[in-house]
């Protein structure tokens, strides 16, 4: 299977921005140059397995979340769990209250 470098780069950029990291900071964490990372994010350069692992570690994401395109990465049950955990981890208190009330409503009992 040939991966679309543009999708990989877009996924890296999205994960980097979600973590609030600049190109400079992420490149330092992954031990690559800022210029190279910019090329990867634009889909103009491929990356080695070692660099992919370093980026995953720095971004706290799985490799499949960077390699897969679009919604395909959310089709596996464990990825749904990871996605939900990420949503909850990044939620505001108000959003958490909403999610809790929604789950209680869906379960019908109001208790866990």
N, C-alpha and C. Protein backbone atom coordinates (compact mmCIF):
# COMPACT_ATOMS: atom_id res chain seq x y z
N UNK A 1 0.84 -1.18 0.00
CA UNK A 1 0.00 0.00 0.00
C UNK A 1 0.88 1.24 0.00
N UNK A 2 0.60 2.14 -0.88
CA UNK A 2 1.34 3.39 -0.95
C UNK A 2 0.56 4.47 -0.21
N UNK A 3 1.22 5.10 0.75
CA UNK A 3 0.56 6.14 1.52
C UNK A 3 0.66 7.47 0.79
N UNK A 4 -0.38 8.23 0.89
CA UNK A 4 -0.42 9.55 0.31
C UNK A 4 0.32 10.49 1.26
N UNK A 5 1.46 10.99 0.83
CA UNK A 5 2.29 11.83 1.70
C UNK A 5 1.56 13.10 2.13
N UNK A 6 0.69 13.61 1.27
CA UNK A 6 -0.05 14.82 1.63
C UNK A 6 -0.96 14.56 2.83
N UNK A 7 -1.64 13.41 2.84
CA UNK A 7 -2.51 13.07 3.98
C UNK A 7 -1.69 12.88 5.26
N UNK A 8 -0.56 12.21 5.13
CA UNK A 8 0.30 12.00 6.30
C UNK A 8 0.74 13.35 6.85
N UNK A 9 1.19 14.23 5.98
CA UNK A 9 1.62 15.56 6.40
C UNK A 9 0.50 16.35 7.06
N UNK A 10 -0.70 16.27 6.48
CA UNK A 10 -1.85 16.98 7.06
C UNK A 10 -2.17 16.43 8.44
N UNK A 11 -2.08 15.10 8.60
CA UNK A 11 -2.35 14.49 9.91
C UNK A 11 -1.31 14.92 10.95
N UNK A 12 -0.05 15.02 10.53
CA UNK A 12 1.01 15.46 11.44
C UNK A 12 0.75 16.92 11.85
N UNK A 13 0.44 17.75 10.87
CA UNK A 13 0.17 19.16 11.17
C UNK A 13 -1.02 19.30 12.12
N UNK A 14 -2.09 18.56 11.86
CA UNK A 14 -3.28 18.61 12.72
C UNK A 14 -2.93 18.19 14.15
N UNK A 15 -2.18 17.10 14.28
CA UNK A 15 -1.80 16.61 15.62
C UNK A 15 -0.89 17.62 16.32
N UNK A 16 0.01 18.23 15.56
CA UNK A 16 0.93 19.23 16.14
C UNK A 16 0.15 20.44 16.66
N UNK A 17 -0.78 20.93 15.85
CA UNK A 17 -1.56 22.09 16.26
C UNK A 17 -2.47 21.76 17.43
N UNK A 18 -3.02 20.53 17.43
CA UNK A 18 -3.88 20.11 18.54
C UNK A 18 -3.11 20.12 19.85
N UNK A 19 -1.80 19.80 19.79
CA UNK A 19 -0.96 19.80 20.98
C UNK A 19 -0.42 21.20 21.29
N UNK A 20 -0.66 22.15 20.40
CA UNK A 20 -0.20 23.52 20.62
C UNK A 20 1.30 23.68 20.42
N UNK A 21 1.88 22.86 19.54
CA UNK A 21 3.32 22.91 19.30
C UNK A 21 3.62 23.66 18.01
N UNK A 22 4.72 24.37 18.01
CA UNK A 22 5.20 25.01 16.79
C UNK A 22 6.04 24.01 16.02
N UNK A 23 6.31 24.32 14.75
CA UNK A 23 7.22 23.49 13.95
C UNK A 23 8.58 23.39 14.64
N UNK A 24 9.03 24.50 15.18
CA UNK A 24 10.34 24.53 15.84
C UNK A 24 10.39 23.58 17.03
N UNK A 25 9.37 23.61 17.86
CA UNK A 25 9.36 22.77 19.06
C UNK A 25 9.25 21.30 18.67
N UNK A 26 8.32 20.97 17.77
CA UNK A 26 8.16 19.57 17.38
C UNK A 26 9.39 19.03 16.68
N UNK A 27 10.01 19.84 15.86
CA UNK A 27 11.22 19.37 15.18
C UNK A 27 12.32 19.06 16.19
N UNK A 28 12.41 19.87 17.25
CA UNK A 28 13.38 19.61 18.30
C UNK A 28 13.07 18.32 19.06
N UNK A 29 11.79 18.09 19.36
CA UNK A 29 11.39 16.89 20.07
C UNK A 29 11.63 15.63 19.24
N UNK A 30 11.44 15.75 17.92
CA UNK A 30 11.61 14.60 17.03
C UNK A 30 13.02 14.49 16.48
N UNK A 31 13.88 15.44 16.82
CA UNK A 31 15.27 15.45 16.37
C UNK A 31 15.40 15.49 14.85
N UNK A 32 14.61 16.38 14.23
CA UNK A 32 14.71 16.63 12.79
C UNK A 32 14.76 18.15 12.62
N UNK A 33 15.14 18.59 11.44
CA UNK A 33 15.19 20.03 11.22
C UNK A 33 13.79 20.58 10.99
N UNK A 34 13.61 21.83 11.33
CA UNK A 34 12.33 22.50 11.13
C UNK A 34 11.97 22.51 9.64
N UNK A 35 12.96 22.72 8.80
CA UNK A 35 12.75 22.73 7.35
C UNK A 35 12.24 21.37 6.87
N UNK A 36 12.85 20.29 7.33
CA UNK A 36 12.43 18.95 6.93
C UNK A 36 11.00 18.68 7.41
N UNK A 37 10.69 19.02 8.65
CA UNK A 37 9.35 18.80 9.18
C UNK A 37 8.31 19.58 8.38
N UNK A 38 8.65 20.79 7.99
CA UNK A 38 7.74 21.59 7.16
C UNK A 38 7.48 20.91 5.83
N UNK A 39 8.52 20.32 5.23
CA UNK A 39 8.36 19.60 3.97
C UNK A 39 7.48 18.36 4.16
N UNK A 40 7.66 17.67 5.28
CA UNK A 40 6.83 16.49 5.57
C UNK A 40 5.37 16.92 5.71
N UNK A 41 5.12 17.99 6.45
CA UNK A 41 3.76 18.47 6.65
C UNK A 41 3.09 18.91 5.35
N UNK A 42 3.88 19.39 4.40
CA UNK A 42 3.33 19.78 3.09
C UNK A 42 3.20 18.59 2.15
N UNK A 43 3.70 17.43 2.55
CA UNK A 43 3.64 16.25 1.70
C UNK A 43 4.72 16.23 0.65
N UNK A 44 5.75 17.05 0.83
CA UNK A 44 6.83 17.15 -0.14
C UNK A 44 7.99 16.21 0.16
N UNK A 45 7.95 15.54 1.30
CA UNK A 45 9.02 14.63 1.67
C UNK A 45 8.44 13.48 2.50
N UNK A 46 9.04 12.32 2.31
CA UNK A 46 8.63 11.16 3.12
C UNK A 46 9.47 11.13 4.38
N UNK A 47 9.12 10.24 5.30
CA UNK A 47 9.87 10.16 6.54
C UNK A 47 10.18 8.70 6.86
N UNK A 48 11.23 8.51 7.61
CA UNK A 48 11.66 7.16 7.99
C UNK A 48 10.78 6.65 9.13
N UNK A 49 10.86 5.35 9.36
CA UNK A 49 10.14 4.74 10.48
C UNK A 49 10.61 5.37 11.79
N UNK A 50 11.91 5.61 11.92
CA UNK A 50 12.45 6.20 13.14
C UNK A 50 11.86 7.59 13.38
N UNK A 51 11.75 8.38 12.32
CA UNK A 51 11.17 9.71 12.45
C UNK A 51 9.69 9.63 12.77
N UNK A 52 8.99 8.69 12.13
CA UNK A 52 7.57 8.49 12.42
C UNK A 52 7.37 8.16 13.90
N UNK A 53 8.18 7.26 14.43
CA UNK A 53 8.09 6.89 15.85
C UNK A 53 8.39 8.08 16.74
N UNK A 54 9.41 8.86 16.40
CA UNK A 54 9.75 10.04 17.19
C UNK A 54 8.61 11.05 17.19
N UNK A 55 7.96 11.23 16.03
CA UNK A 55 6.83 12.15 15.95
C UNK A 55 5.65 11.64 16.77
N UNK A 56 5.39 10.34 16.68
CA UNK A 56 4.30 9.75 17.46
C UNK A 56 4.54 9.95 18.95
N UNK A 57 5.76 9.72 19.39
CA UNK A 57 6.10 9.92 20.80
C UNK A 57 5.91 11.38 21.21
N UNK A 58 6.39 12.29 20.38
CA UNK A 58 6.32 13.72 20.71
C UNK A 58 4.87 14.22 20.69
N UNK A 59 4.06 13.66 19.80
CA UNK A 59 2.68 14.12 19.67
C UNK A 59 1.71 13.31 20.51
N UNK A 60 2.21 12.23 21.11
CA UNK A 60 1.38 11.33 21.92
C UNK A 60 0.21 10.78 21.10
N UNK A 61 0.54 10.26 19.91
CA UNK A 61 -0.46 9.67 19.01
C UNK A 61 0.06 8.33 18.51
N UNK A 62 -0.82 7.55 17.92
CA UNK A 62 -0.41 6.28 17.32
C UNK A 62 0.01 6.51 15.87
N UNK A 63 0.81 5.60 15.36
CA UNK A 63 1.27 5.71 13.98
C UNK A 63 0.11 5.67 13.00
N UNK A 64 -0.88 4.83 13.27
CA UNK A 64 -2.00 4.75 12.33
C UNK A 64 -2.78 6.06 12.26
N UNK A 65 -2.80 6.82 13.34
CA UNK A 65 -3.51 8.10 13.30
C UNK A 65 -2.80 9.10 12.39
N UNK A 66 -1.51 8.91 12.18
CA UNK A 66 -0.78 9.78 11.26
C UNK A 66 -0.78 9.23 9.84
N UNK A 67 -0.80 7.92 9.70
CA UNK A 67 -0.70 7.31 8.38
C UNK A 67 -2.03 7.20 7.65
N UNK A 68 -3.11 7.01 8.38
CA UNK A 68 -4.41 6.81 7.74
C UNK A 68 -5.03 8.16 7.40
N UNK A 69 -5.84 8.15 6.33
CA UNK A 69 -6.45 9.40 5.92
C UNK A 69 -7.89 9.49 6.38
N UNK A 70 -8.34 10.70 6.58
CA UNK A 70 -9.73 10.97 6.89
C UNK A 70 -10.30 10.17 8.04
N UNK A 71 -11.54 9.74 7.90
CA UNK A 71 -12.26 9.03 8.94
C UNK A 71 -11.89 7.57 9.03
N UNK A 72 -11.13 7.06 8.08
CA UNK A 72 -10.75 5.65 8.10
C UNK A 72 -10.05 5.27 9.40
N UNK A 73 -9.34 6.20 9.99
CA UNK A 73 -8.60 5.88 11.21
C UNK A 73 -9.52 5.66 12.41
N UNK A 74 -10.78 6.00 12.29
CA UNK A 74 -11.70 5.85 13.41
C UNK A 74 -12.59 4.61 13.30
N UNK A 75 -12.33 3.73 12.35
CA UNK A 75 -13.22 2.60 12.15
C UNK A 75 -12.92 1.43 13.07
N UNK A 76 -11.73 1.31 13.57
CA UNK A 76 -11.38 0.21 14.46
C UNK A 76 -11.84 0.55 15.88
N UNK A 77 -12.43 -0.42 16.58
CA UNK A 77 -12.96 -0.13 17.93
C UNK A 77 -11.95 0.51 18.87
N UNK A 78 -10.70 0.05 18.87
CA UNK A 78 -9.73 0.64 19.79
C UNK A 78 -9.45 2.10 19.44
N UNK A 79 -9.53 2.43 18.15
CA UNK A 79 -9.32 3.82 17.75
C UNK A 79 -10.51 4.68 18.17
N UNK A 80 -11.70 4.11 18.18
CA UNK A 80 -12.86 4.85 18.68
C UNK A 80 -12.66 5.17 20.15
N UNK A 81 -12.15 4.21 20.89
CA UNK A 81 -11.87 4.42 22.31
C UNK A 81 -10.82 5.52 22.48
N UNK A 82 -9.73 5.44 21.70
CA UNK A 82 -8.68 6.45 21.79
C UNK A 82 -9.21 7.83 21.41
N UNK A 83 -10.05 7.86 20.38
CA UNK A 83 -10.62 9.13 19.95
C UNK A 83 -11.50 9.72 21.04
N UNK A 84 -12.34 8.88 21.64
CA UNK A 84 -13.19 9.35 22.73
C UNK A 84 -12.37 9.84 23.91
N UNK A 85 -11.31 9.11 24.25
CA UNK A 85 -10.44 9.53 25.35
C UNK A 85 -9.80 10.88 25.06
N UNK A 86 -9.38 11.09 23.82
CA UNK A 86 -8.77 12.36 23.44
C UNK A 86 -9.78 13.49 23.54
N UNK A 87 -11.00 13.23 23.07
CA UNK A 87 -12.04 14.25 23.15
C UNK A 87 -12.29 14.63 24.61
N UNK A 88 -12.42 13.62 25.47
CA UNK A 88 -12.69 13.89 26.87
C UNK A 88 -11.51 14.57 27.56
N UNK A 89 -10.30 14.15 27.20
CA UNK A 89 -9.11 14.74 27.82
C UNK A 89 -8.98 16.22 27.47
N UNK A 90 -9.43 16.60 26.28
CA UNK A 90 -9.29 17.98 25.83
C UNK A 90 -10.54 18.82 26.07
N UNK A 91 -11.57 18.24 26.69
CA UNK A 91 -12.84 18.93 26.89
C UNK A 91 -12.76 19.94 28.03
N UNK A 92 -13.54 20.99 27.90
CA UNK A 92 -13.68 21.96 28.98
C UNK A 92 -14.61 21.35 30.05
N UNK A 93 -14.67 21.98 31.22
CA UNK A 93 -15.58 21.51 32.27
C UNK A 93 -17.03 21.53 31.79
N UNK A 94 -17.38 22.56 31.06
CA UNK A 94 -18.75 22.66 30.53
C UNK A 94 -19.05 21.52 29.56
N UNK A 95 -18.09 21.21 28.69
CA UNK A 95 -18.28 20.10 27.75
C UNK A 95 -18.37 18.76 28.48
N UNK A 96 -17.55 18.58 29.52
CA UNK A 96 -17.61 17.35 30.30
C UNK A 96 -18.96 17.19 30.97
N UNK A 97 -19.50 18.27 31.52
CA UNK A 97 -20.83 18.22 32.12
C UNK A 97 -21.87 17.80 31.08
N UNK A 98 -21.78 18.37 29.89
CA UNK A 98 -22.71 18.02 28.82
C UNK A 98 -22.60 16.53 28.48
N UNK A 99 -21.37 16.04 28.30
CA UNK A 99 -21.17 14.63 27.96
C UNK A 99 -21.71 13.72 29.05
N UNK A 100 -21.45 14.06 30.29
CA UNK A 100 -21.94 13.25 31.40
C UNK A 100 -23.47 13.21 31.41
N UNK A 101 -24.10 14.35 31.24
CA UNK A 101 -25.56 14.40 31.22
C UNK A 101 -26.12 13.62 30.03
N UNK A 102 -25.45 13.70 28.92
CA UNK A 102 -25.90 12.97 27.73
C UNK A 102 -25.82 11.46 27.97
N UNK A 103 -24.72 10.99 28.53
CA UNK A 103 -24.56 9.56 28.82
C UNK A 103 -25.61 9.11 29.82
N UNK A 104 -25.84 9.91 30.85
CA UNK A 104 -26.86 9.57 31.84
C UNK A 104 -28.24 9.47 31.19
N UNK A 105 -28.54 10.40 30.31
CA UNK A 105 -29.81 10.40 29.62
C UNK A 105 -29.95 9.15 28.75
N UNK A 106 -28.90 8.81 28.04
CA UNK A 106 -28.92 7.63 27.17
C UNK A 106 -29.06 6.34 27.97
N UNK A 107 -28.44 6.29 29.10
CA UNK A 107 -28.52 5.08 29.93
C UNK A 107 -29.84 4.98 30.67
N UNK A 108 -30.53 6.10 30.81
CA UNK A 108 -31.86 6.11 31.39
C UNK A 108 -31.91 6.13 32.90
N UNK A 109 -30.85 5.75 33.57
CA UNK A 109 -30.92 5.64 35.02
C UNK A 109 -30.43 6.89 35.74
N UNK A 110 -29.57 7.64 35.12
CA UNK A 110 -28.96 8.78 35.79
C UNK A 110 -27.82 8.39 36.70
N UNK A 111 -27.53 7.09 36.78
CA UNK A 111 -26.42 6.59 37.62
C UNK A 111 -25.49 5.72 36.77
N UNK A 112 -24.27 5.62 37.24
CA UNK A 112 -23.31 4.75 36.54
C UNK A 112 -23.13 3.47 37.29
